[in-house]
Amino acid sequence: MAKLIRVNDDEQTEKEVQDDSPIQKPCEELGVEFGCEDGICGTCIIDVQEGHDNLSPENEKEEDMGLEEYQRLGCQCKIKSGVVKFKY
């Protein structure tokens, strides 16, 4: 099982996730908002603090969005395994 951890100022919340699964639903349960859910609006941009290599490679929609180095779209990536810490 992989783990997603949302880090905020003084607290963190976490969610266990199946390896090789999309992170959209667990991110939503951790408070990430989603608009279009198709990689167009950018509402679900997360800042990955740790475990960037535990996520699937950026896809074309994320590349077209012009994200910063450690930003990802929660609606577009999967967690391969391990732990991913992010801010939103």
PDB file of N, CA and C in Angstrom:
ATOM      1  N   MET A   1       0.842  -1.192   0.000  1.00  0.00           N
ATOM      2  CA  MET A   1       0.000   0.000   0.000  1.00  0.00           C
ATOM      3  C   MET A   1       0.878   1.243   0.000  1.00  0.00           C
ATOM      4  N   ALA A   2       0.485   2.191  -0.810  1.00  0.00           N
ATOM      5  CA  ALA A   2       1.157   3.484  -0.852  1.00  0.00           C
ATOM      6  C   ALA A   2       0.439   4.423   0.113  1.00  0.00           C
ATOM      7  N   LYS A   3       1.023   5.602   0.321  1.00  0.00           N
ATOM      8  CA  LYS A   3       0.412   6.545   1.248  1.00  0.00           C
ATOM      9  C   LYS A   3       0.567   7.966   0.710  1.00  0.00           C
ATOM     10  N   LEU A   4      -0.556   8.707   0.725  1.00  0.00           N
ATOM     11  CA  LEU A   4      -0.565  10.136   0.399  1.00  0.00           C
ATOM     12  C   LEU A   4      -0.688  10.914   1.699  1.00  0.00           C
ATOM     13  N   ILE A   5       0.141  11.933   1.850  1.00  0.00           N
ATOM     14  CA  ILE A   5       0.099  12.760   3.057  1.00  0.00           C
ATOM     15  C   ILE A   5      -0.029  14.207   2.634  1.00  0.00           C
ATOM     16  N   ARG A   6      -1.118  14.846   3.078  1.00  0.00           N
ATOM     17  CA  ARG A   6      -1.302  16.277   2.826  1.00  0.00           C
ATOM     18  C   ARG A   6      -0.754  17.031   4.029  1.00  0.00           C
ATOM     19  N   VAL A   7       0.200  17.907   3.768  1.00  0.00           N
ATOM     20  CA  VAL A   7       0.861  18.669   4.809  1.00  0.00           C
ATOM     21  C   VAL A   7       0.341  20.101   4.773  1.00  0.00           C
ATOM     22  N   ASN A   8      -0.124  20.578   5.911  1.00  0.00           N
ATOM     23  CA  ASN A   8      -0.513  21.976   6.069  1.00  0.00           C
ATOM     24  C   ASN A   8       0.332  22.576   7.173  1.00  0.00           C
ATOM     25  N   ASP A   9       0.145  23.828   7.489  1.00  0.00           N
ATOM     26  CA  ASP A   9       1.000  24.540   8.430  1.00  0.00           C
ATOM     27  C   ASP A   9       1.393  23.719   9.650  1.00  0.00           C
ATOM     28  N   ASP A  10       0.454  23.311  10.462  1.00  0.00           N
ATOM     29  CA  ASP A  10       0.776  22.618  11.701  1.00  0.00           C
ATOM     30  C   ASP A  10       0.233  21.196  11.774  1.00  0.00           C
ATOM     31  N   GLU A  11      -0.324  20.723  10.688  1.00  0.00           N
ATOM     32  CA  GLU A  11      -0.907  19.386  10.736  1.00  0.00           C
ATOM     33  C   GLU A  11      -0.693  18.650   9.423  1.00  0.00           C
ATOM     34  N   GLN A  12      -0.899  17.369   9.480  1.00  0.00           N
ATOM     35  CA  GLN A  12      -0.881  16.580   8.266  1.00  0.00           C
ATOM     36  C   GLN A  12      -1.953  15.505   8.362  1.00  0.00           C
ATOM     37  N   THR A  13      -2.535  15.198   7.226  1.00  0.00           N
ATOM     38  CA  THR A  13      -3.524  14.133   7.144  1.00  0.00           C
ATOM     39  C   THR A  13      -3.037  13.147   6.094  1.00  0.00           C
ATOM     40  N   GLU A  14      -3.382  11.892   6.276  1.00  0.00           N
ATOM     41  CA  GLU A  14      -2.876  10.888   5.353  1.00  0.00           C
ATOM     42  C   GLU A  14      -3.954   9.905   4.948  1.00  0.00           C
ATOM     43  N   LYS A  15      -3.684   9.263   3.831  1.00  0.00           N
ATOM     44  CA  LYS A  15      -4.629   8.311   3.262  1.00  0.00           C
ATOM     45  C   LYS A  15      -3.835   7.181   2.615  1.00  0.00           C
ATOM     46  N   GLU A  16      -4.163   5.943   2.953  1.00  0.00           N
ATOM     47  CA  GLU A  16      -3.538   4.811   2.282  1.00  0.00           C
ATOM     48  C   GLU A  16      -4.190   4.615   0.923  1.00  0.00           C
ATOM     49  N   VAL A  17      -3.354   4.245  -0.054  1.00  0.00           N
ATOM     50  CA  VAL A  17      -3.798   4.140  -1.440  1.00  0.00           C
ATOM     51  C   VAL A  17      -3.197   2.859  -2.034  1.00  0.00           C
ATOM     52  N   GLN A  18      -3.946   2.183  -2.869  1.00  0.00           N
ATOM     53  CA  GLN A  18      -3.416   1.011  -3.567  1.00  0.00           C
ATOM     54  C   GLN A  18      -2.253   1.435  -4.453  1.00  0.00           C
ATOM     55  N   ASP A  19      -1.203   0.631  -4.512  1.00  0.00           N
ATOM     56  CA  ASP A  19      -0.109   0.887  -5.446  1.00  0.00           C
ATOM     57  C   ASP A  19      -0.660   0.964  -6.871  1.00  0.00           C
ATOM     58  N   ASP A  20      -0.027   1.802  -7.683  1.00  0.00           N
ATOM     59  CA  ASP A  20      -0.381   1.963  -9.102  1.00  0.00           C
ATOM     60  C   ASP A  20      -1.826   2.399  -9.321  1.00  0.00           C
ATOM     61  N   SER A  21      -2.323   3.263  -8.448  1.00  0.00           N
ATOM     62  CA  SER A  21      -3.697   3.736  -8.613  1.00  0.00           C
ATOM     63  C   SER A  21      -3.737   5.260  -8.742  1.00  0.00           C
ATOM     64  N   PRO A  22      -4.786   5.779  -9.391  1.00  0.00           N
ATOM     65  CA  PRO A  22      -4.936   7.234  -9.506  1.00  0.00           C
ATOM     66  C   PRO A  22      -5.060   7.861  -8.114  1.00  0.00           C
ATOM     67  N   ILE A  23      -4.591   9.102  -7.987  1.00  0.00           N
ATOM     68  CA  ILE A  23      -4.655   9.761  -6.683  1.00  0.00           C
ATOM     69  C   ILE A  23      -5.820  10.741  -6.566  1.00  0.00           C
ATOM     70  N   GLN A  24      -6.641  10.861  -7.592  1.00  0.00           N
ATOM     71  CA  GLN A  24      -7.724  11.849  -7.560  1.00  0.00           C
ATOM     72  C   GLN A  24      -8.675  11.651  -6.378  1.00  0.00           C
ATOM     73  N   LYS A  25      -9.237  10.488  -6.229  1.00  0.00           N
ATOM     74  CA  LYS A  25     -10.211  10.253  -5.149  1.00  0.00           C
ATOM     75  C   LYS A  25      -9.588  10.450  -3.766  1.00  0.00           C
ATOM     76  N   PRO A  26      -8.419   9.847  -3.484  1.00  0.00           N
ATOM     77  CA  PRO A  26      -7.834  10.086  -2.167  1.00  0.00           C
ATOM     78  C   PRO A  26      -7.450  11.550  -1.939  1.00  0.00           C
ATOM     79  N   CYS A  27      -6.998  12.233  -2.980  1.00  0.00           N
ATOM     80  CA  CYS A  27      -6.687  13.669  -2.830  1.00  0.00           C
ATOM     81  C   CYS A  27      -7.954  14.448  -2.481  1.00  0.00           C
ATOM     82  N   GLU A  28      -9.049  14.091  -3.135  1.00  0.00           N
ATOM     83  CA  GLU A  28     -10.328  14.746  -2.847  1.00  0.00           C
ATOM     84  C   GLU A  28     -10.725  14.518  -1.395  1.00  0.00           C
ATOM     85  N   GLU A  29     -10.511  13.305  -0.907  1.00  0.00           N
ATOM     86  CA  GLU A  29     -10.820  12.992   0.485  1.00  0.00           C
ATOM     87  C   GLU A  29      -9.902  13.746   1.456  1.00  0.00           C
ATOM     88  N   LEU A  30      -8.736  14.158   0.967  1.00  0.00           N
ATOM     89  CA  LEU A  30      -7.799  14.941   1.786  1.00  0.00           C
ATOM     90  C   LEU A  30      -8.007  16.451   1.609  1.00  0.00           C
ATOM     91  N   GLY A  31      -9.048  16.848   0.887  1.00  0.00           N
ATOM     92  CA  GLY A  31      -9.404  18.258   0.785  1.00  0.00           C
ATOM     93  C   GLY A  31      -8.996  18.980  -0.478  1.00  0.00           C
ATOM     94  N   VAL A  32      -8.425  18.269  -1.448  1.00  0.00           N
ATOM     95  CA  VAL A  32      -8.064  18.904  -2.713  1.00  0.00           C
ATOM     96  C   VAL A  32      -9.336  19.099  -3.524  1.00  0.00           C
ATOM     97  N   GLU A  33      -9.500  20.290  -4.073  1.00  0.00           N
ATOM     98  CA  GLU A  33     -10.673  20.584  -4.892  1.00  0.00           C
ATOM     99  C   GLU A  33     -10.394  20.243  -6.346  1.00  0.00           C
ATOM    100  N   PHE A  34     -11.416  19.759  -7.032  1.00  0.00           N
ATOM    101  CA  PHE A  34     -11.316  19.416  -8.440  1.00  0.00           C
ATOM    102  C   PHE A  34     -12.382  20.162  -9.219  1.00  0.00           C
ATOM    103  N   GLY A  35     -11.984  20.701 -10.365  1.00  0.00           N
ATOM    104  CA  GLY A  35     -12.916  21.402 -11.238  1.00  0.00           C
ATOM    105  C   GLY A  35     -13.315  20.504 -12.389  1.00  0.00           C
ATOM    106  N   CYS A  36     -12.551  20.563 -13.454  1.00  0.00           N
ATOM    107  CA  CYS A  36     -12.884  19.829 -14.676  1.00  0.00           C
ATOM    108  C   CYS A  36     -12.559  18.339 -14.584  1.00  0.00           C
ATOM    109  N   GLU A  37     -11.604  17.957 -13.762  1.00  0.00           N
ATOM    110  CA  GLU A  37     -11.149  16.577 -13.606  1.00  0.00           C
ATOM    111  C   GLU A  37     -10.553  16.011 -14.890  1.00  0.00           C
ATOM    112  N   ASP A  38     -10.105  16.894 -15.787  1.00  0.00           N
ATOM    113  CA  ASP A  38      -9.569  16.446 -17.069  1.00  0.00           C
ATOM    114  C   ASP A  38      -8.239  17.113 -17.417  1.00  0.00           C
ATOM    115  N   GLY A  39      -7.592  17.745 -16.438  1.00  0.00           N
ATOM    116  CA  GLY A  39      -6.287  18.334 -16.687  1.00  0.00           C
ATOM    117  C   GLY A  39      -6.298  19.648 -17.431  1.00  0.00           C
ATOM    118  N   ILE A  40      -7.428  20.346 -17.413  1.00  0.00           N
ATOM    119  CA  ILE A  40      -7.538  21.594 -18.161  1.00  0.00           C
ATOM    120  C   ILE A  40      -7.564  22.818 -17.247  1.00  0.00           C
ATOM    121  N   CYS A  41      -8.258  22.743 -16.114  1.00  0.00           N
ATOM    122  CA  CYS A  41      -8.506  23.945 -15.298  1.00  0.00           C
ATOM    123  C   CYS A  41      -7.394  24.281 -14.306  1.00  0.00           C
ATOM    124  N   GLY A  42      -6.655  23.292 -13.826  1.00  0.00           N
ATOM    125  CA  GLY A  42      -5.578  23.545 -12.875  1.00  0.00           C
ATOM    126  C   GLY A  42      -6.012  23.697 -11.434  1.00  0.00           C
ATOM    127  N   THR A  43      -7.276  23.441 -11.135  1.00  0.00           N
ATOM    128  CA  THR A  43      -7.780  23.572  -9.770  1.00  0.00           C
ATOM    129  C   THR A  43      -7.066  22.624  -8.806  1.00  0.00           C
ATOM    130  N   CYS A  44      -6.665  21.472  -9.277  1.00  0.00           N
ATOM    131  CA  CYS A  44      -6.124  20.419  -8.412  1.00  0.00           C
ATOM    132  C   CYS A  44      -4.597  20.379  -8.376  1.00  0.00           C
ATOM    133  N   ILE A  45      -3.936  21.487  -8.668  1.00  0.00           N
ATOM    134  CA  ILE A  45      -2.469  21.500  -8.633  1.00  0.00           C
ATOM    135  C   ILE A  45      -2.005  21.297  -7.197  1.00  0.00           C
ATOM    136  N   ILE A  46      -1.156  20.294  -7.017  1.00  0.00           N
ATOM    137  CA  ILE A  46      -0.561  20.030  -5.709  1.00  0.00           C
ATOM    138  C   ILE A  46       0.943  20.278  -5.789  1.00  0.00           C
ATOM    139  N   ASP A  47       1.526  20.693  -4.679  1.00  0.00           N
ATOM    140  CA  ASP A  47       2.970  20.889  -4.585  1.00  0.00           C
ATOM    141  C   ASP A  47       3.559  19.686  -3.869  1.00  0.00           C
ATOM    142  N   VAL A  48       4.280  18.861  -4.590  1.00  0.00           N
ATOM    143  CA  VAL A  48       4.853  17.645  -4.017  1.00  0.00           C
ATOM    144  C   VAL A  48       6.099  18.017  -3.213  1.00  0.00           C
ATOM    145  N   GLN A  49       6.060  17.716  -1.921  1.00  0.00           N
ATOM    146  CA  GLN A  49       7.158  18.027  -1.010  1.00  0.00           C
ATOM    147  C   GLN A  49       8.163  16.880  -0.921  1.00  0.00           C
ATOM    148  N   GLU A  50       7.660  15.654  -0.949  1.00  0.00           N
ATOM    149  CA  GLU A  50       8.498  14.450  -0.868  1.00  0.00           C
ATOM    150  C   GLU A  50       7.862  13.344  -1.694  1.00  0.00           C
ATOM    151  N   GLY A  51       8.684  12.497  -2.279  1.00  0.00           N
ATOM    152  CA  GLY A  51       8.184  11.326  -2.991  1.00  0.00           C
ATOM    153  C   GLY A  51       7.794  11.573  -4.425  1.00  0.00           C
ATOM    154  N   HIS A  52       8.333  12.615  -5.035  1.00  0.00           N
ATOM    155  CA  HIS A  52       7.992  12.931  -6.423  1.00  0.00           C
ATOM    156  C   HIS A  52       8.222  11.722  -7.337  1.00  0.00           C
ATOM    157  N   ASP A  53       9.287  10.963  -7.088  1.00  0.00           N
ATOM    158  CA  ASP A  53       9.595   9.794  -7.913  1.00  0.00           C
ATOM    159  C   ASP A  53       8.608   8.648  -7.715  1.00  0.00           C
ATOM    160  N   ASN A  54       7.773   8.739  -6.691  1.00  0.00           N
ATOM    161  CA  ASN A  54       6.769   7.701  -6.443  1.00  0.00           C
ATOM    162  C   ASN A  54       5.501   7.916  -7.262  1.00  0.00           C
ATOM    163  N   LEU A  55       5.469   9.006  -8.033  1.00  0.00           N
ATOM    164  CA  LEU A  55       4.319   9.287  -8.890  1.00  0.00           C
ATOM    165  C   LEU A  55       4.638   8.910 -10.336  1.00  0.00           C
ATOM    166  N   SER A  56       3.593   8.667 -11.100  1.00  0.00           N
ATOM    167  CA  SER A  56       3.764   8.378 -12.523  1.00  0.00           C
ATOM    168  C   SER A  56       4.413   9.588 -13.209  1.00  0.00           C
ATOM    169  N   PRO A  57       5.048   9.370 -14.361  1.00  0.00           N
ATOM    170  CA  PRO A  57       5.636  10.496 -15.095  1.00  0.00           C
ATOM    171  C   PRO A  57       4.559  11.499 -15.509  1.00  0.00           C
ATOM    172  N   GLU A  58       4.966  12.759 -15.682  1.00  0.00           N
ATOM    173  CA  GLU A  58       4.017  13.774 -16.150  1.00  0.00           C
ATOM    174  C   GLU A  58       3.467  13.361 -17.507  1.00  0.00           C
ATOM    175  N   ASN A  59       2.188  13.611 -17.692  1.00  0.00           N
ATOM    176  CA  ASN A  59       1.603  13.320 -18.989  1.00  0.00           C
ATOM    177  C   ASN A  59       1.529  14.606 -19.819  1.00  0.00           C
ATOM    178  N   GLU A  60       1.011  14.507 -21.010  1.00  0.00           N
ATOM    179  CA  GLU A  60       0.969  15.642 -21.933  1.00  0.00           C
ATOM    180  C   GLU A  60       0.142  16.805 -21.380  1.00  0.00           C
ATOM    181  N   LYS A  61      -0.957  16.504 -20.705  1.00  0.00           N
ATOM    182  CA  LYS A  61      -1.798  17.567 -20.150  1.00  0.00           C
ATOM    183  C   LYS A  61      -1.042  18.353 -19.083  1.00  0.00           C
ATOM    184  N   GLU A  62      -0.269  17.654 -18.248  1.00  0.00           N
ATOM    185  CA  GLU A  62       0.516  18.339 -17.223  1.00  0.00           C
ATOM    186  C   GLU A  62       1.634  19.158 -17.869  1.00  0.00           C
ATOM    187  N   GLU A  63       2.274  18.623 -18.885  1.00  0.00           N
ATOM    188  CA  GLU A  63       3.321  19.360 -19.579  1.00  0.00           C
ATOM    189  C   GLU A  63       2.759  20.615 -20.230  1.00  0.00           C
ATOM    190  N   ASP A  64       1.576  20.501 -20.837  1.00  0.00           N
ATOM    191  CA  ASP A  64       0.936  21.658 -21.480  1.00  0.00           C
ATOM    192  C   ASP A  64       0.530  22.730 -20.472  1.00  0.00           C
ATOM    193  N   MET A  65       0.291  22.333 -19.224  1.00  0.00           N
ATOM    194  CA  MET A  65      -0.129  23.265 -18.178  1.00  0.00           C
ATOM    195  C   MET A  65       1.029  24.188 -17.764  1.00  0.00           C
ATOM    196  N   GLY A  66       2.279  23.761 -18.015  1.00  0.00           N
ATOM    197  CA  GLY A  66       3.437  24.572 -17.649  1.00  0.00           C
ATOM    198  C   GLY A  66       3.642  24.669 -16.149  1.00  0.00           C
ATOM    199  N   LEU A  67       3.541  23.551 -15.465  1.00  0.00           N
ATOM    200  CA  LEU A  67       3.669  23.508 -14.012  1.00  0.00           C
ATOM    201  C   LEU A  67       5.108  23.758 -13.574  1.00  0.00           C
ATOM    202  N   GLU A  68       5.265  24.199 -12.329  1.00  0.00           N
ATOM    203  CA  GLU A  68       6.585  24.327 -11.733  1.00  0.00           C
ATOM    204  C   GLU A  68       7.175  22.931 -11.547  1.00  0.00           C
ATOM    205  N   GLU A  69       8.452  22.861 -11.186  1.00  0.00           N
ATOM    206  CA  GLU A  69       9.177  21.589 -11.151  1.00  0.00           C
ATOM    207  C   GLU A  69       8.493  20.502 -10.322  1.00  0.00           C
ATOM    208  N   TYR A  70       8.009  20.808  -9.128  1.00  0.00           N
ATOM    209  CA  TYR A  70       7.424  19.778  -8.275  1.00  0.00           C
ATOM    210  C   TYR A  70       5.918  19.926  -8.117  1.00  0.00           C
ATOM    211  N   GLN A  71       5.273  20.531  -9.089  1.00  0.00           N
ATOM    212  CA  GLN A  71       3.818  20.608  -9.078  1.00  0.00           C
ATOM    213  C   GLN A  71       3.255  19.507  -9.973  1.00  0.00           C
ATOM    214  N   ARG A  72       2.105  19.000  -9.571  1.00  0.00           N
ATOM    215  CA  ARG A  72       1.410  17.980 -10.356  1.00  0.00           C
ATOM    216  C   ARG A  72      -0.072  18.260 -10.334  1.00  0.00           C
ATOM    217  N   LEU A  73      -0.782  17.710 -11.292  1.00  0.00           N
ATOM    218  CA  LEU A  73      -2.242  17.771 -11.313  1.00  0.00           C
ATOM    219  C   LEU A  73      -2.764  16.510 -10.628  1.00  0.00           C
ATOM    220  N   GLY A  74      -3.515  16.693  -9.558  1.00  0.00           N
ATOM    221  CA  GLY A  74      -4.054  15.559  -8.817  1.00  0.00           C
ATOM    222  C   GLY A  74      -4.968  14.681  -9.647  1.00  0.00           C
ATOM    223  N   CYS A  75      -5.570  15.258 -10.677  1.00  0.00           N
ATOM    224  CA  CYS A  75      -6.485  14.475 -11.514  1.00  0.00           C
ATOM    225  C   CYS A  75      -5.766  13.647 -12.564  1.00  0.00           C
ATOM    226  N   GLN A  76      -4.467  13.849 -12.725  1.00  0.00           N
ATOM    227  CA  GLN A  76      -3.769  13.210 -13.837  1.00  0.00           C
ATOM    228  C   GLN A  76      -2.740  12.160 -13.443  1.00  0.00           C
ATOM    229  N   CYS A  77      -2.312  12.124 -12.187  1.00  0.00           N
ATOM    230  CA  CYS A  77      -1.221  11.200 -11.888  1.00  0.00           C
ATOM    231  C   CYS A  77      -1.658  10.027 -11.006  1.00  0.00           C
ATOM    232  N   LYS A  78      -0.807   9.019 -11.023  1.00  0.00           N
ATOM    233  CA  LYS A  78      -0.993   7.826 -10.203  1.00  0.00           C
ATOM    234  C   LYS A  78       0.175   7.739  -9.243  1.00  0.00           C
ATOM    235  N   ILE A  79      -0.066   7.085  -8.117  1.00  0.00           N
ATOM    236  CA  ILE A  79       1.015   6.800  -7.181  1.00  0.00           C
ATOM    237  C   ILE A  79       1.493   5.383  -7.467  1.00  0.00           C
ATOM    238  N   LYS A  80       2.785   5.238  -7.695  1.00  0.00           N
ATOM    239  CA  LYS A  80       3.341   3.915  -8.001  1.00  0.00           C
ATOM    240  C   LYS A  80       3.451   3.082  -6.730  1.00  0.00           C
ATOM    241  N   SER A  81       4.062   3.661  -5.701  1.00  0.00           N
ATOM    242  CA  SER A  81       4.233   2.999  -4.407  1.00  0.00           C
ATOM    243  C   SER A  81       4.864   4.003  -3.461  1.00  0.00           C
ATOM    244  N   GLY A  82       5.089   3.605  -2.219  1.00  0.00           N
ATOM    245  CA  GLY A  82       5.777   4.475  -1.270  1.00  0.00           C
ATOM    246  C   GLY A  82       4.909   5.590  -0.727  1.00  0.00           C
ATOM    247  N   VAL A  83       5.579   6.666  -0.322  1.00  0.00           N
ATOM    248  CA  VAL A  83       4.910   7.797   0.317  1.00  0.00           C
ATOM    249  C   VAL A  83       5.089   9.046  -0.533  1.00  0.00           C
ATOM    250  N   VAL A  84       4.019   9.816  -0.662  1.00  0.00           N
ATOM    251  CA  VAL A  84       4.068  11.117  -1.331  1.00  0.00           C
ATOM    252  C   VAL A  84       3.480  12.143  -0.367  1.00  0.00           C
ATOM    253  N   LYS A  85       4.279  13.155  -0.032  1.00  0.00           N
ATOM    254  CA  LYS A  85       3.808  14.273   0.805  1.00  0.00           C
ATOM    255  C   LYS A  85       3.584  15.466  -0.122  1.00  0.00           C
ATOM    256  N   PHE A  86       2.450  16.154   0.081  1.00  0.00           N
ATOM    257  CA  PHE A  86       2.153  17.305  -0.762  1.00  0.00           C
ATOM    258  C   PHE A  86       1.462  18.404   0.030  1.00  0.00           C
ATOM    259  N   LYS A  87       1.548  19.610  -0.502  1.00  0.00           N
ATOM    260  CA  LYS A  87       0.798  20.757   0.012  1.00  0.00           C
ATOM    261  C   LYS A  87      -0.241  21.120  -1.033  1.00  0.00           C
ATOM    262  N   TYR A  88      -1.347  21.686  -0.532  1.00  0.00           N
ATOM    263  CA  TYR A  88      -2.386  22.156  -1.442  1.00  0.00           C
ATOM    264  C   TYR A  88      -2.916  23.454  -0.912  1.00  0.00           C
TER     265      TYR A  88
END
